[in-house]
Amino acid sequence: MENFDQIFTLLANEGISLNTDILETGLINIVALLGILFYTGRDFLGSLLEERRTTIVKSVQDAEDRLSEAKKRLAEAQKQLNQANIVISEIKNEAVATKKVLLESDAFQAKKDLTVRFDRALATFRSKERQIFVEIKQQIISLVLQRTLSRVQETFKSEERSSALINETIDKLKGDLL
């Protein structure tokens, strides 16, 4: 901080001015030094710069080559992606078609099974219906026979008369049957 104060103090006392004395400022020495540097270092510096330029150009060319190769790979990858998407969509379409066929086949098989089951149930129902009809018919016949027998017994209290009538009816039926 003290040095900083000294600088401002020095500047305030002496002031800032432009020194126009060429010898005192060393401007000739600086120009001569630059001339010697350009003259002697031109070949060395030129070859270094040319080498650097060649390296940069080669690096840029390599980068451009890699870029074009990357673009080619990208284009190829996009083509493969498009082909894969086409194949995937075809597979999806085939899966949907197969699913439809399987569903239709399952529906047809289910319909066929239901038809068979319905036919069996209907046959069972008809069989039961016939069986019930036969049982009812037998019960009706049995009741009619019981009633007939009870009426006959009431009408013909004597066994002789009833036996004679039964034998006579049986004989008539034998004649009709033969």
Protein backbone atom coordinates (compact mmCIF):
# COMPACT_ATOMS: atom_id res chain seq x y z
CA MET A 1 0.00 0.00 0.00
CA GLU A 2 2.91 2.24 0.74
CA ASN A 3 4.32 1.68 -2.78
CA PHE A 4 1.00 2.57 -4.26
CA ASP A 5 0.99 5.85 -2.40
CA GLN A 6 4.53 6.57 -3.54
CA ILE A 7 3.56 6.07 -7.18
CA PHE A 8 0.75 8.59 -6.91
CA THR A 9 3.01 11.00 -5.09
CA LEU A 10 5.70 10.65 -7.78
CA LEU A 11 3.17 11.18 -10.56
CA ALA A 12 1.75 14.23 -8.87
CA ASN A 13 5.18 15.83 -8.43
CA GLU A 14 6.66 15.15 -11.85
CA GLY A 15 3.55 14.62 -13.96
CA ILE A 16 3.10 12.46 -17.01
CA SER A 17 4.70 13.71 -20.19
CA LEU A 18 5.84 12.39 -23.53
CA ASN A 19 9.62 12.12 -24.02
CA THR A 20 10.45 12.98 -27.64
CA ASP A 21 14.21 12.42 -27.42
CA ILE A 22 14.83 9.37 -29.60
CA LEU A 23 18.23 8.52 -28.14
CA GLU A 24 17.08 8.77 -24.57
CA THR A 25 14.02 6.55 -25.08
CA GLY A 26 15.91 3.78 -26.93
CA LEU A 27 13.51 3.75 -29.83
CA ILE A 28 16.35 3.20 -32.32
CA ASN A 29 17.58 0.23 -30.31
CA ILE A 30 14.10 -1.32 -30.30
CA VAL A 31 13.67 -0.81 -34.07
CA ALA A 32 17.13 -2.26 -34.77
CA LEU A 33 16.40 -5.23 -32.50
CA LEU A 34 13.11 -5.90 -34.28
CA GLY A 35 14.83 -5.66 -37.69
CA ILE A 36 17.53 -8.14 -36.68
CA LEU A 37 14.88 -10.50 -35.26
CA PHE A 38 12.82 -10.40 -38.44
CA TYR A 39 15.87 -10.88 -40.64
CA THR A 40 17.43 -13.75 -38.71
CA GLY A 41 14.29 -15.36 -37.36
CA ARG A 42 12.29 -15.20 -40.54
CA ASP A 43 13.40 -18.63 -41.80
CA PHE A 44 13.18 -20.25 -38.38
CA LEU A 45 9.90 -18.62 -37.46
CA GLY A 46 8.54 -19.13 -41.00
CA SER A 47 9.32 -22.86 -40.91
CA LEU A 48 7.71 -23.16 -37.46
CA LEU A 49 4.64 -21.27 -38.62
CA GLU A 50 4.46 -23.29 -41.84
CA GLU A 51 4.76 -26.52 -39.83
CA ARG A 52 2.04 -25.33 -37.46
CA ARG A 53 -0.16 -24.32 -40.38
CA THR A 54 0.34 -27.73 -42.01
CA THR A 55 -0.52 -29.48 -38.74
CA ILE A 56 -3.63 -27.35 -38.31
CA VAL A 57 -4.72 -27.92 -41.92
CA LYS A 58 -4.14 -31.66 -41.52
CA SER A 59 -6.09 -31.69 -38.23
CA VAL A 60 -8.94 -29.76 -39.82
CA GLN A 61 -8.94 -32.15 -42.80
CA ASP A 62 -8.96 -35.16 -40.45
CA ALA A 63 -11.82 -33.61 -38.48
CA GLU A 64 -13.76 -33.01 -41.71
CA ASP A 65 -13.09 -36.61 -42.79
CA ARG A 66 -14.28 -37.90 -39.41
CA LEU A 67 -17.34 -35.65 -39.67
CA SER A 68 -18.21 -36.96 -43.14
CA GLU A 69 -17.66 -40.55 -41.93
CA ALA A 70 -19.87 -39.85 -38.91
CA LYS A 71 -22.54 -38.41 -41.22
CA LYS A 72 -22.34 -41.54 -43.40
CA ARG A 73 -22.68 -43.75 -40.31
CA LEU A 74 -25.58 -41.64 -39.09
CA ALA A 75 -27.32 -41.93 -42.46
CA GLU A 76 -26.74 -45.71 -42.45
CA ALA A 77 -27.99 -45.97 -38.87
CA GLN A 78 -31.11 -43.98 -39.81
CA LYS A 79 -31.71 -46.30 -42.78
CA GLN A 80 -31.36 -49.30 -40.47
CA LEU A 81 -33.69 -47.66 -37.96
CA ASN A 82 -36.27 -47.05 -40.69
CA GLN A 83 -35.93 -50.66 -41.85
CA ALA A 84 -36.26 -51.87 -38.26
CA ASN A 85 -39.37 -49.72 -37.82
CA ILE A 86 -40.83 -51.20 -41.02
CA VAL A 87 -40.06 -54.72 -39.81
CA ILE A 88 -41.55 -53.92 -36.40
CA SER A 89 -44.73 -52.56 -37.98
CA GLU A 90 -44.96 -55.67 -40.20
CA ILE A 91 -44.50 -57.89 -37.14
CA LYS A 92 -47.20 -55.91 -35.30
CA ASN A 93 -49.56 -56.27 -38.28
CA GLU A 94 -48.84 -60.00 -38.47
CA ALA A 95 -49.40 -60.30 -34.72
CA VAL A 96 -52.73 -58.51 -35.01
CA ALA A 97 -53.75 -60.73 -37.94
CA THR A 98 -52.66 -63.85 -36.06
CA LYS A 99 -54.53 -62.65 -32.99
CA LYS A 100 -57.66 -62.15 -35.09
CA VAL A 101 -57.32 -65.62 -36.61
CA LEU A 102 -56.78 -67.16 -33.18
CA LEU A 103 -59.73 -65.27 -31.73
CA GLU A 104 -61.93 -66.32 -34.65
CA SER A 105 -60.73 -69.90 -34.26
CA ASP A 106 -61.36 -69.77 -30.52
CA ALA A 107 -64.78 -68.23 -31.12
CA PHE A 108 -65.60 -70.92 -33.68
CA GLN A 109 -64.39 -73.66 -31.34
CA ALA A 110 -66.32 -72.14 -28.42
CA LYS A 111 -69.44 -71.91 -30.59
CA LYS A 112 -68.96 -75.52 -31.65
CA ASP A 113 -68.48 -76.62 -28.03
CA LEU A 114 -71.55 -74.67 -26.95
CA THR A 115 -73.57 -76.22 -29.77
CA VAL A 116 -72.47 -79.71 -28.71
CA ARG A 117 -73.25 -78.95 -25.06
CA PHE A 118 -76.60 -77.44 -25.96
CA ASP A 119 -77.45 -80.47 -28.10
CA ARG A 120 -76.47 -82.78 -25.24
CA ALA A 121 -78.50 -80.74 -22.76
CA LEU A 122 -81.44 -80.77 -25.15
CA ALA A 123 -81.13 -84.54 -25.64
CA THR A 124 -80.91 -85.01 -21.86
CA PHE A 125 -83.93 -82.77 -21.41
CA ARG A 126 -85.93 -84.72 -24.01
CA SER A 127 -84.86 -88.00 -22.44
CA LYS A 128 -85.93 -86.79 -19.01
CA GLU A 129 -89.15 -85.48 -20.53
CA ARG A 130 -89.90 -88.89 -22.06
CA GLN A 131 -88.98 -90.62 -18.83
CA ILE A 132 -91.26 -88.30 -16.84
CA PHE A 133 -94.01 -88.76 -19.45
CA VAL A 134 -93.68 -92.56 -19.16
CA GLU A 135 -93.72 -92.36 -15.34
CA ILE A 136 -96.80 -90.12 -15.39
CA LYS A 137 -98.44 -92.44 -17.92
CA GLN A 138 -97.70 -95.44 -15.69
CA GLN A 139 -99.06 -93.61 -12.64
CA ILE A 140 -102.20 -92.64 -14.55
CA ILE A 141 -102.65 -96.22 -15.76
CA SER A 142 -102.05 -97.47 -12.22
CA LEU A 143 -104.59 -95.02 -10.81
CA VAL A 144 -107.12 -95.87 -13.53
CA LEU A 145 -106.62 -99.56 -12.84
CA GLN A 146 -106.99 -99.01 -9.09
CA ARG A 147 -110.14 -96.98 -9.60
CA THR A 148 -111.48 -99.44 -12.07
CA LEU A 149 -110.69 -102.28 -9.70
CA SER A 150 -112.35 -100.49 -6.79
CA ARG A 151 -115.44 -99.71 -8.90
CA VAL A 152 -115.56 -103.22 -10.16
CA GLN A 153 -115.29 -104.51 -6.62
CA GLU A 154 -118.03 -102.17 -5.52
CA THR A 155 -120.20 -103.04 -8.47
CA PHE A 156 -119.60 -106.73 -8.21
CA LYS A 157 -119.32 -107.44 -4.56
CA SER A 158 -119.43 -111.08 -5.03
CA GLU A 159 -116.25 -112.68 -6.13
CA GLU A 160 -117.92 -115.17 -8.34
CA ARG A 161 -119.52 -112.60 -10.50
CA SER A 162 -116.33 -110.55 -10.72
CA SER A 163 -114.26 -113.63 -11.58
CA ALA A 164 -116.71 -114.59 -14.28
CA LEU A 165 -116.64 -111.06 -15.78
CA ILE A 166 -112.83 -110.93 -15.69
CA ASN A 167 -112.50 -114.31 -17.34
CA GLU A 168 -115.01 -113.31 -19.97
CA THR A 169 -113.12 -110.05 -20.73
CA ILE A 170 -109.83 -111.91 -20.94
CA ASP A 171 -111.31 -114.40 -23.36
CA LYS A 172 -112.58 -111.57 -25.56
CA LEU A 173 -109.19 -109.90 -25.53
CA LYS A 174 -107.50 -113.16 -26.45
CA GLY A 175 -109.71 -113.44 -29.45
CA ASP A 176 -108.92 -109.84 -30.52
CA LEU A 177 -105.23 -110.32 -30.02
CA LEU A 178 -105.03 -113.57 -31.94
